[in-house]
């Protein structure tokens, strides 16, 4: 019996097939890993109404509330402040969400275009602008 001999052309063909399969597997792994990273862990946690309240030095009560839905937000405060707009979560770094605000309207002087929100899911709190807000709904 003669040993099975593979010609030079066959070796090149098999190598090209193997390289294509390897390339496909690398691309598939990249997209699977990227999909896992792109999921925002705390996107649903911020949905709802969040409030911070207190009493000023003259004894008058104040509060500020943030309401987040799927892609919209609203800010209501006393003394008078009404702001509405849309947001998009552009980045999540551990327990910090970075939101881009757009189509903002209301009685605010100037609202930043980017809002950073710290998430404390254990205490059920958000930290917005270095101030703690508690969930009320």
N, C-alpha and C. Protein backbone atom coordinates (compact mmCIF):
# COMPACT_ATOMS: atom_id res chain seq x y z
N UNK A 1 0.82 -1.17 0.00
CA UNK A 1 0.00 0.00 0.00
C UNK A 1 0.87 1.24 0.00
N UNK A 2 0.40 2.19 -0.70
CA UNK A 2 1.10 3.46 -0.77
C UNK A 2 0.50 4.42 0.25
N UNK A 3 1.35 5.19 0.91
CA UNK A 3 0.80 6.18 1.85
C UNK A 3 0.03 7.26 1.08
N UNK A 4 -0.97 7.83 1.76
CA UNK A 4 -1.79 8.87 1.14
C UNK A 4 -0.96 10.13 1.01
N UNK A 5 -0.80 10.57 -0.18
CA UNK A 5 -0.01 11.76 -0.45
C UNK A 5 -0.96 12.90 -0.78
N UNK A 6 -0.69 14.04 -0.18
CA UNK A 6 -1.49 15.23 -0.45
C UNK A 6 -0.63 16.15 -1.29
N UNK A 7 -1.21 16.64 -2.35
CA UNK A 7 -0.48 17.52 -3.24
C UNK A 7 -0.32 18.92 -2.65
N UNK A 8 0.56 19.71 -3.20
CA UNK A 8 0.81 21.07 -2.73
C UNK A 8 -0.44 21.93 -2.83
N UNK A 9 -1.19 21.76 -3.90
CA UNK A 9 -2.41 22.53 -4.07
C UNK A 9 -3.42 22.20 -2.98
N UNK A 10 -3.50 20.91 -2.61
CA UNK A 10 -4.43 20.50 -1.56
C UNK A 10 -4.04 21.12 -0.21
N UNK A 11 -2.77 21.17 0.09
CA UNK A 11 -2.31 21.75 1.35
C UNK A 11 -2.69 23.23 1.42
N UNK A 12 -2.49 23.94 0.35
CA UNK A 12 -2.82 25.36 0.29
C UNK A 12 -4.33 25.54 0.46
N UNK A 13 -5.11 24.71 -0.20
CA UNK A 13 -6.57 24.80 -0.09
C UNK A 13 -7.02 24.54 1.34
N UNK A 14 -6.50 23.49 1.98
CA UNK A 14 -6.86 23.20 3.37
C UNK A 14 -6.43 24.31 4.32
N UNK A 15 -5.28 24.88 4.08
CA UNK A 15 -4.81 25.99 4.93
C UNK A 15 -5.73 27.20 4.80
N UNK A 16 -6.14 27.51 3.58
CA UNK A 16 -7.06 28.64 3.38
C UNK A 16 -8.41 28.38 4.06
N UNK A 17 -8.89 27.16 3.96
CA UNK A 17 -10.15 26.82 4.64
C UNK A 17 -9.98 26.96 6.14
N UNK A 18 -8.91 26.46 6.68
CA UNK A 18 -8.66 26.54 8.14
C UNK A 18 -8.51 28.00 8.59
N UNK A 19 -7.83 28.82 7.80
CA UNK A 19 -7.69 30.23 8.15
C UNK A 19 -9.04 30.94 8.13
N UNK A 20 -9.89 30.62 7.17
CA UNK A 20 -11.23 31.20 7.12
C UNK A 20 -12.06 30.78 8.32
N UNK A 21 -11.98 29.51 8.69
CA UNK A 21 -12.72 29.02 9.87
C UNK A 21 -12.19 29.72 11.13
N UNK A 22 -10.90 29.84 11.25
CA UNK A 22 -10.31 30.52 12.41
C UNK A 22 -10.73 31.98 12.46
N UNK A 23 -10.71 32.66 11.32
CA UNK A 23 -11.15 34.05 11.27
C UNK A 23 -12.61 34.17 11.68
N UNK A 24 -13.47 33.29 11.19
CA UNK A 24 -14.89 33.30 11.55
C UNK A 24 -15.07 33.10 13.05
N UNK A 25 -14.34 32.19 13.65
CA UNK A 25 -14.44 31.94 15.09
C UNK A 25 -13.99 33.15 15.91
N UNK A 26 -12.93 33.82 15.49
CA UNK A 26 -12.45 35.02 16.19
C UNK A 26 -13.49 36.13 16.11
N UNK A 27 -14.07 36.35 14.93
CA UNK A 27 -15.09 37.38 14.76
C UNK A 27 -16.32 37.05 15.60
N UNK A 28 -16.74 35.81 15.61
CA UNK A 28 -17.89 35.38 16.40
C UNK A 28 -17.63 35.60 17.89
N UNK A 29 -16.46 35.24 18.37
CA UNK A 29 -16.11 35.45 19.78
C UNK A 29 -16.10 36.93 20.12
N UNK A 30 -15.59 37.75 19.24
CA UNK A 30 -15.55 39.20 19.46
C UNK A 30 -16.97 39.75 19.64
N UNK A 31 -17.88 39.38 18.75
CA UNK A 31 -19.24 39.90 18.83
C UNK A 31 -19.98 39.37 20.05
N UNK A 32 -19.75 38.15 20.43
CA UNK A 32 -20.39 37.61 21.64
C UNK A 32 -19.89 38.35 22.87
N UNK A 33 -18.60 38.57 22.96
CA UNK A 33 -18.05 39.30 24.11
C UNK A 33 -18.51 40.76 24.11
N UNK A 34 -18.61 41.35 22.95
CA UNK A 34 -19.04 42.75 22.87
C UNK A 34 -20.50 42.89 23.26
N UNK A 35 -21.34 41.94 22.89
CA UNK A 35 -22.75 41.99 23.28
C UNK A 35 -22.89 41.94 24.79
N UNK A 36 -22.09 41.13 25.45
CA UNK A 36 -22.14 41.05 26.91
C UNK A 36 -21.73 42.37 27.54
N UNK A 37 -20.72 43.02 26.99
CA UNK A 37 -20.27 44.29 27.54
C UNK A 37 -21.26 45.41 27.29
N UNK A 38 -21.99 45.35 26.17
CA UNK A 38 -22.87 46.44 25.82
C UNK A 38 -24.16 46.44 26.65
N UNK A 39 -24.46 45.38 27.33
CA UNK A 39 -25.64 45.35 28.19
C UNK A 39 -25.38 46.24 29.40
N UNK A 40 -26.28 47.18 29.62
CA UNK A 40 -26.14 48.09 30.75
C UNK A 40 -26.86 47.46 31.93
N UNK A 41 -26.10 47.16 32.94
CA UNK A 41 -26.62 46.42 34.09
C UNK A 41 -27.67 47.19 34.87
N UNK A 42 -27.47 48.49 35.04
CA UNK A 42 -28.35 49.27 35.91
C UNK A 42 -29.34 50.16 35.16
N UNK A 43 -29.54 49.91 33.87
CA UNK A 43 -30.46 50.74 33.08
C UNK A 43 -31.88 50.66 33.63
N UNK A 44 -32.33 49.49 34.01
CA UNK A 44 -33.69 49.37 34.53
C UNK A 44 -33.79 49.83 35.99
N UNK A 45 -32.68 49.81 36.71
CA UNK A 45 -32.71 50.22 38.11
C UNK A 45 -33.06 51.69 38.27
N UNK A 46 -32.59 52.55 37.39
CA UNK A 46 -32.83 53.99 37.56
C UNK A 46 -34.25 54.39 37.21
N UNK A 47 -35.00 53.52 36.55
CA UNK A 47 -36.38 53.86 36.18
C UNK A 47 -37.21 54.02 37.44
N UNK A 48 -37.97 55.11 37.47
CA UNK A 48 -38.81 55.39 38.62
C UNK A 48 -38.63 56.83 39.07
N UNK A 49 -39.11 57.12 40.28
CA UNK A 49 -39.04 58.48 40.80
C UNK A 49 -38.09 58.51 42.00
N UNK A 50 -37.20 59.49 41.99
CA UNK A 50 -36.16 59.64 43.01
C UNK A 50 -36.27 61.02 43.61
N UNK A 51 -36.14 61.13 44.93
CA UNK A 51 -36.34 62.42 45.59
C UNK A 51 -35.28 62.69 46.65
N UNK A 52 -34.97 63.97 46.74
CA UNK A 52 -34.12 64.52 47.82
C UNK A 52 -34.90 65.69 48.37
N UNK A 53 -34.98 65.78 49.71
CA UNK A 53 -35.76 66.86 50.31
C UNK A 53 -35.09 67.34 51.58
N UNK A 54 -35.53 68.51 52.02
CA UNK A 54 -34.97 69.09 53.23
C UNK A 54 -35.67 70.38 53.60
N UNK A 55 -35.06 71.09 54.52
CA UNK A 55 -35.58 72.36 54.99
C UNK A 55 -34.46 73.39 54.89
N UNK A 56 -34.80 74.54 54.31
CA UNK A 56 -33.80 75.60 54.15
C UNK A 56 -33.57 76.30 55.49
N UNK A 57 -32.62 77.21 55.52
CA UNK A 57 -32.28 77.92 56.75
C UNK A 57 -33.43 78.78 57.27
N UNK A 58 -34.28 79.26 56.37
CA UNK A 58 -35.41 80.08 56.81
C UNK A 58 -36.63 79.24 57.20
N UNK A 59 -36.50 77.91 57.17
CA UNK A 59 -37.57 77.02 57.61
C UNK A 59 -38.49 76.54 56.52
N UNK A 60 -38.31 76.99 55.29
CA UNK A 60 -39.18 76.52 54.22
C UNK A 60 -38.69 75.18 53.69
N UNK A 61 -39.65 74.34 53.35
CA UNK A 61 -39.31 73.01 52.85
C UNK A 61 -39.01 73.07 51.36
N UNK A 62 -38.12 72.20 50.92
CA UNK A 62 -37.76 72.11 49.52
C UNK A 62 -37.63 70.63 49.16
N UNK A 63 -37.75 70.35 47.88
CA UNK A 63 -37.46 69.01 47.38
C UNK A 63 -37.09 69.10 45.90
N UNK A 64 -36.41 68.08 45.44
CA UNK A 64 -36.10 67.93 44.04
C UNK A 64 -36.30 66.46 43.69
N UNK A 65 -37.02 66.23 42.60
CA UNK A 65 -37.34 64.86 42.18
C UNK A 65 -36.88 64.63 40.75
N UNK A 66 -36.29 63.49 40.52
CA UNK A 66 -35.94 63.03 39.18
C UNK A 66 -36.83 61.85 38.86
N UNK A 67 -37.41 61.85 37.67
CA UNK A 67 -38.21 60.72 37.21
C UNK A 67 -37.60 60.22 35.91
N UNK A 68 -37.26 58.94 35.90
CA UNK A 68 -36.67 58.32 34.71
C UNK A 68 -37.61 57.25 34.18
N UNK A 69 -37.87 57.29 32.88
CA UNK A 69 -38.61 56.22 32.21
C UNK A 69 -37.62 55.54 31.25
N UNK A 70 -38.14 54.89 30.22
CA UNK A 70 -37.25 54.16 29.30
C UNK A 70 -36.19 55.06 28.69
N UNK A 71 -36.58 56.20 28.11
CA UNK A 71 -35.60 57.08 27.48
C UNK A 71 -35.87 58.54 27.77
N UNK A 72 -36.77 58.84 28.71
CA UNK A 72 -37.07 60.22 29.05
C UNK A 72 -36.81 60.46 30.53
N UNK A 73 -36.63 61.72 30.85
CA UNK A 73 -36.46 62.10 32.25
C UNK A 73 -37.24 63.38 32.50
N UNK A 74 -37.54 63.61 33.78
CA UNK A 74 -38.19 64.85 34.19
C UNK A 74 -37.62 65.23 35.55
N UNK A 75 -37.45 66.53 35.75
CA UNK A 75 -36.99 67.05 37.03
C UNK A 75 -38.05 68.01 37.51
N UNK A 76 -38.47 67.82 38.73
CA UNK A 76 -39.45 68.71 39.36
C UNK A 76 -38.89 69.11 40.71
N UNK A 77 -38.93 70.40 41.00
CA UNK A 77 -38.38 70.87 42.27
C UNK A 77 -39.20 72.02 42.81
N UNK A 78 -39.17 72.15 44.11
CA UNK A 78 -39.71 73.32 44.81
C UNK A 78 -38.55 73.85 45.63
N UNK A 79 -38.13 75.10 45.46
CA UNK A 79 -38.69 76.16 44.63
C UNK A 79 -38.75 75.76 43.17
N UNK A 80 -39.58 76.46 42.44
CA UNK A 80 -40.03 76.08 41.10
C UNK A 80 -38.90 75.74 40.14
N UNK A 81 -38.96 74.51 39.63
CA UNK A 81 -38.06 74.04 38.58
C UNK A 81 -38.77 72.90 37.86
N UNK A 82 -38.91 73.02 36.58
CA UNK A 82 -39.52 71.99 35.74
C UNK A 82 -38.63 71.76 34.52
N UNK A 83 -38.14 70.55 34.36
CA UNK A 83 -37.28 70.22 33.22
C UNK A 83 -37.71 68.85 32.69
N UNK A 84 -37.78 68.75 31.38
CA UNK A 84 -38.08 67.46 30.73
C UNK A 84 -37.12 67.28 29.58
N UNK A 85 -36.88 66.05 29.24
CA UNK A 85 -36.01 65.76 28.11
C UNK A 85 -35.85 64.28 27.90
N UNK A 86 -34.90 63.95 27.05
CA UNK A 86 -34.59 62.57 26.75
C UNK A 86 -33.15 62.29 27.17
N UNK A 87 -32.87 61.02 27.42
CA UNK A 87 -31.51 60.64 27.77
C UNK A 87 -31.13 59.35 27.08
N UNK A 88 -29.82 59.16 26.99
CA UNK A 88 -29.26 57.93 26.45
C UNK A 88 -28.08 57.56 27.34
N UNK A 89 -28.04 56.33 27.78
CA UNK A 89 -26.90 55.87 28.59
C UNK A 89 -25.74 55.61 27.63
N UNK A 90 -24.70 56.43 27.77
CA UNK A 90 -23.58 56.29 26.84
C UNK A 90 -22.46 55.42 27.39
N UNK A 91 -22.46 55.25 28.72
CA UNK A 91 -21.39 54.43 29.30
C UNK A 91 -21.80 53.98 30.69
N UNK A 92 -21.35 52.79 31.06
CA UNK A 92 -21.53 52.29 32.41
C UNK A 92 -20.17 51.82 32.90
N UNK A 93 -19.72 52.39 34.02
CA UNK A 93 -18.47 52.00 34.63
C UNK A 93 -18.80 51.53 36.03
N UNK A 94 -18.78 50.22 36.21
CA UNK A 94 -19.17 49.59 37.46
C UNK A 94 -20.54 50.10 37.89
N UNK A 95 -20.63 50.93 38.94
CA UNK A 95 -21.92 51.42 39.42
C UNK A 95 -22.13 52.89 39.09
N UNK A 96 -21.54 53.34 38.02
CA UNK A 96 -21.69 54.71 37.57
C UNK A 96 -22.26 54.71 36.15
N UNK A 97 -23.40 55.37 35.98
CA UNK A 97 -24.00 55.52 34.65
C UNK A 97 -23.71 56.93 34.15
N UNK A 98 -23.32 57.04 32.91
CA UNK A 98 -23.10 58.34 32.29
C UNK A 98 -24.18 58.51 31.23
N UNK A 99 -25.03 59.52 31.44
CA UNK A 99 -26.17 59.77 30.57
C UNK A 99 -25.93 61.00 29.72
N UNK A 100 -26.28 60.92 28.46
CA UNK A 100 -26.27 62.09 27.59
C UNK A 100 -27.70 62.61 27.53
N UNK A 101 -27.88 63.89 27.85
CA UNK A 101 -29.20 64.51 27.85
C UNK A 101 -29.38 65.28 26.54
N UNK A 102 -30.58 65.21 25.98
CA UNK A 102 -30.87 65.95 24.76
C UNK A 102 -32.36 66.26 24.71
N UNK A 103 -32.72 67.18 23.82
CA UNK A 103 -34.09 67.68 23.70
C UNK A 103 -34.62 68.14 25.06
N UNK A 104 -33.78 68.87 25.78
CA UNK A 104 -34.12 69.33 27.12
C UNK A 104 -34.90 70.64 27.02
N UNK A 105 -36.00 70.72 27.78
CA UNK A 105 -36.80 71.95 27.81
C UNK A 105 -37.32 72.13 29.23
N UNK A 106 -37.62 73.38 29.55
CA UNK A 106 -38.18 73.66 30.87
C UNK A 106 -37.69 74.97 31.42
N UNK A 107 -37.80 75.11 32.74
CA UNK A 107 -37.50 76.36 33.41
C UNK A 107 -36.08 76.43 33.96
N UNK A 108 -35.21 75.56 33.50
CA UNK A 108 -33.84 75.55 34.03
C UNK A 108 -32.99 76.61 33.35
N UNK A 109 -32.04 77.10 34.06
CA UNK A 109 -31.07 78.04 33.48
C UNK A 109 -30.21 77.29 32.45
N UNK A 110 -29.50 76.32 32.90
CA UNK A 110 -28.63 75.54 32.03
C UNK A 110 -28.40 74.19 32.70
N UNK A 111 -28.70 73.15 32.00
CA UNK A 111 -28.50 71.79 32.50
C UNK A 111 -27.33 71.20 31.73
N UNK A 112 -26.46 70.48 32.42
CA UNK A 112 -25.33 69.89 31.68
C UNK A 112 -25.83 68.88 30.65
N UNK A 113 -25.06 68.70 29.60
CA UNK A 113 -25.44 67.76 28.56
C UNK A 113 -25.12 66.32 28.96
N UNK A 114 -24.27 66.17 29.95
CA UNK A 114 -23.90 64.84 30.45
C UNK A 114 -24.19 64.80 31.94
N UNK A 115 -24.84 63.73 32.38
CA UNK A 115 -25.21 63.57 33.78
C UNK A 115 -24.63 62.26 34.27
N UNK A 116 -23.92 62.32 35.40
CA UNK A 116 -23.35 61.11 35.99
C UNK A 116 -24.22 60.69 37.16
N UNK A 117 -24.59 59.41 37.16
CA UNK A 117 -25.45 58.89 38.21
C UNK A 117 -24.77 57.69 38.85
N UNK A 118 -24.53 57.80 40.15
CA UNK A 118 -24.00 56.68 40.92
C UNK A 118 -25.15 55.81 41.40
N UNK A 119 -25.00 54.52 41.30
CA UNK A 119 -26.06 53.58 41.65
C UNK A 119 -25.66 52.81 42.89
N UNK A 120 -26.54 52.83 43.90
CA UNK A 120 -26.37 52.01 45.09
C UNK A 120 -27.61 51.14 45.20
N UNK A 121 -27.56 49.98 44.56
CA UNK A 121 -28.75 49.12 44.51
C UNK A 121 -29.06 48.48 45.86
N UNK A 122 -28.08 48.36 46.72
CA UNK A 122 -28.32 47.77 48.05
C UNK A 122 -29.12 48.73 48.92
N UNK A 123 -28.73 50.02 48.94
CA UNK A 123 -29.46 51.02 49.73
C UNK A 123 -30.63 51.60 48.95
N UNK A 124 -30.82 51.19 47.69
CA UNK A 124 -31.89 51.69 46.83
C UNK A 124 -31.80 53.22 46.70
N UNK A 125 -30.61 53.70 46.33
CA UNK A 125 -30.35 55.13 46.20
C UNK A 125 -29.58 55.43 44.92
N UNK A 126 -29.73 56.67 44.45
CA UNK A 126 -28.93 57.20 43.35
C UNK A 126 -28.15 58.39 43.88
N UNK A 127 -26.97 58.60 43.35
CA UNK A 127 -26.20 59.79 43.65
C UNK A 127 -26.09 60.59 42.36
N UNK A 128 -26.71 61.78 42.38
CA UNK A 128 -26.71 62.66 41.23
C UNK A 128 -26.11 63.98 41.68
N UNK A 129 -25.09 64.42 40.98
CA UNK A 129 -24.41 65.68 41.32
C UNK A 129 -23.94 65.67 42.78
N UNK A 130 -23.39 64.57 43.22
CA UNK A 130 -22.83 64.38 44.56
C UNK A 130 -23.89 64.49 45.66
N UNK A 131 -25.14 64.28 45.32
CA UNK A 131 -26.23 64.32 46.30
C UNK A 131 -27.02 63.02 46.20
N UNK A 132 -27.46 62.51 47.34
CA UNK A 132 -28.13 61.21 47.40
C UNK A 132 -29.64 61.40 47.25
N UNK A 133 -30.25 60.57 46.38
CA UNK A 133 -31.68 60.58 46.13
C UNK A 133 -32.23 59.20 46.48
N UNK A 134 -33.39 59.19 47.15
CA UNK A 134 -34.05 57.94 47.53
C UNK A 134 -35.21 57.66 46.60
N UNK A 135 -35.46 56.39 46.37
CA UNK A 135 -36.59 55.99 45.51
C UNK A 135 -37.89 56.24 46.25
N UNK A 136 -38.84 56.85 45.55
CA UNK A 136 -40.16 57.03 46.15
C UNK A 136 -41.23 56.28 45.35
N UNK A 137 -40.93 55.84 44.15
CA UNK A 137 -41.85 55.02 43.35
C UNK A 137 -41.07 54.06 42.53
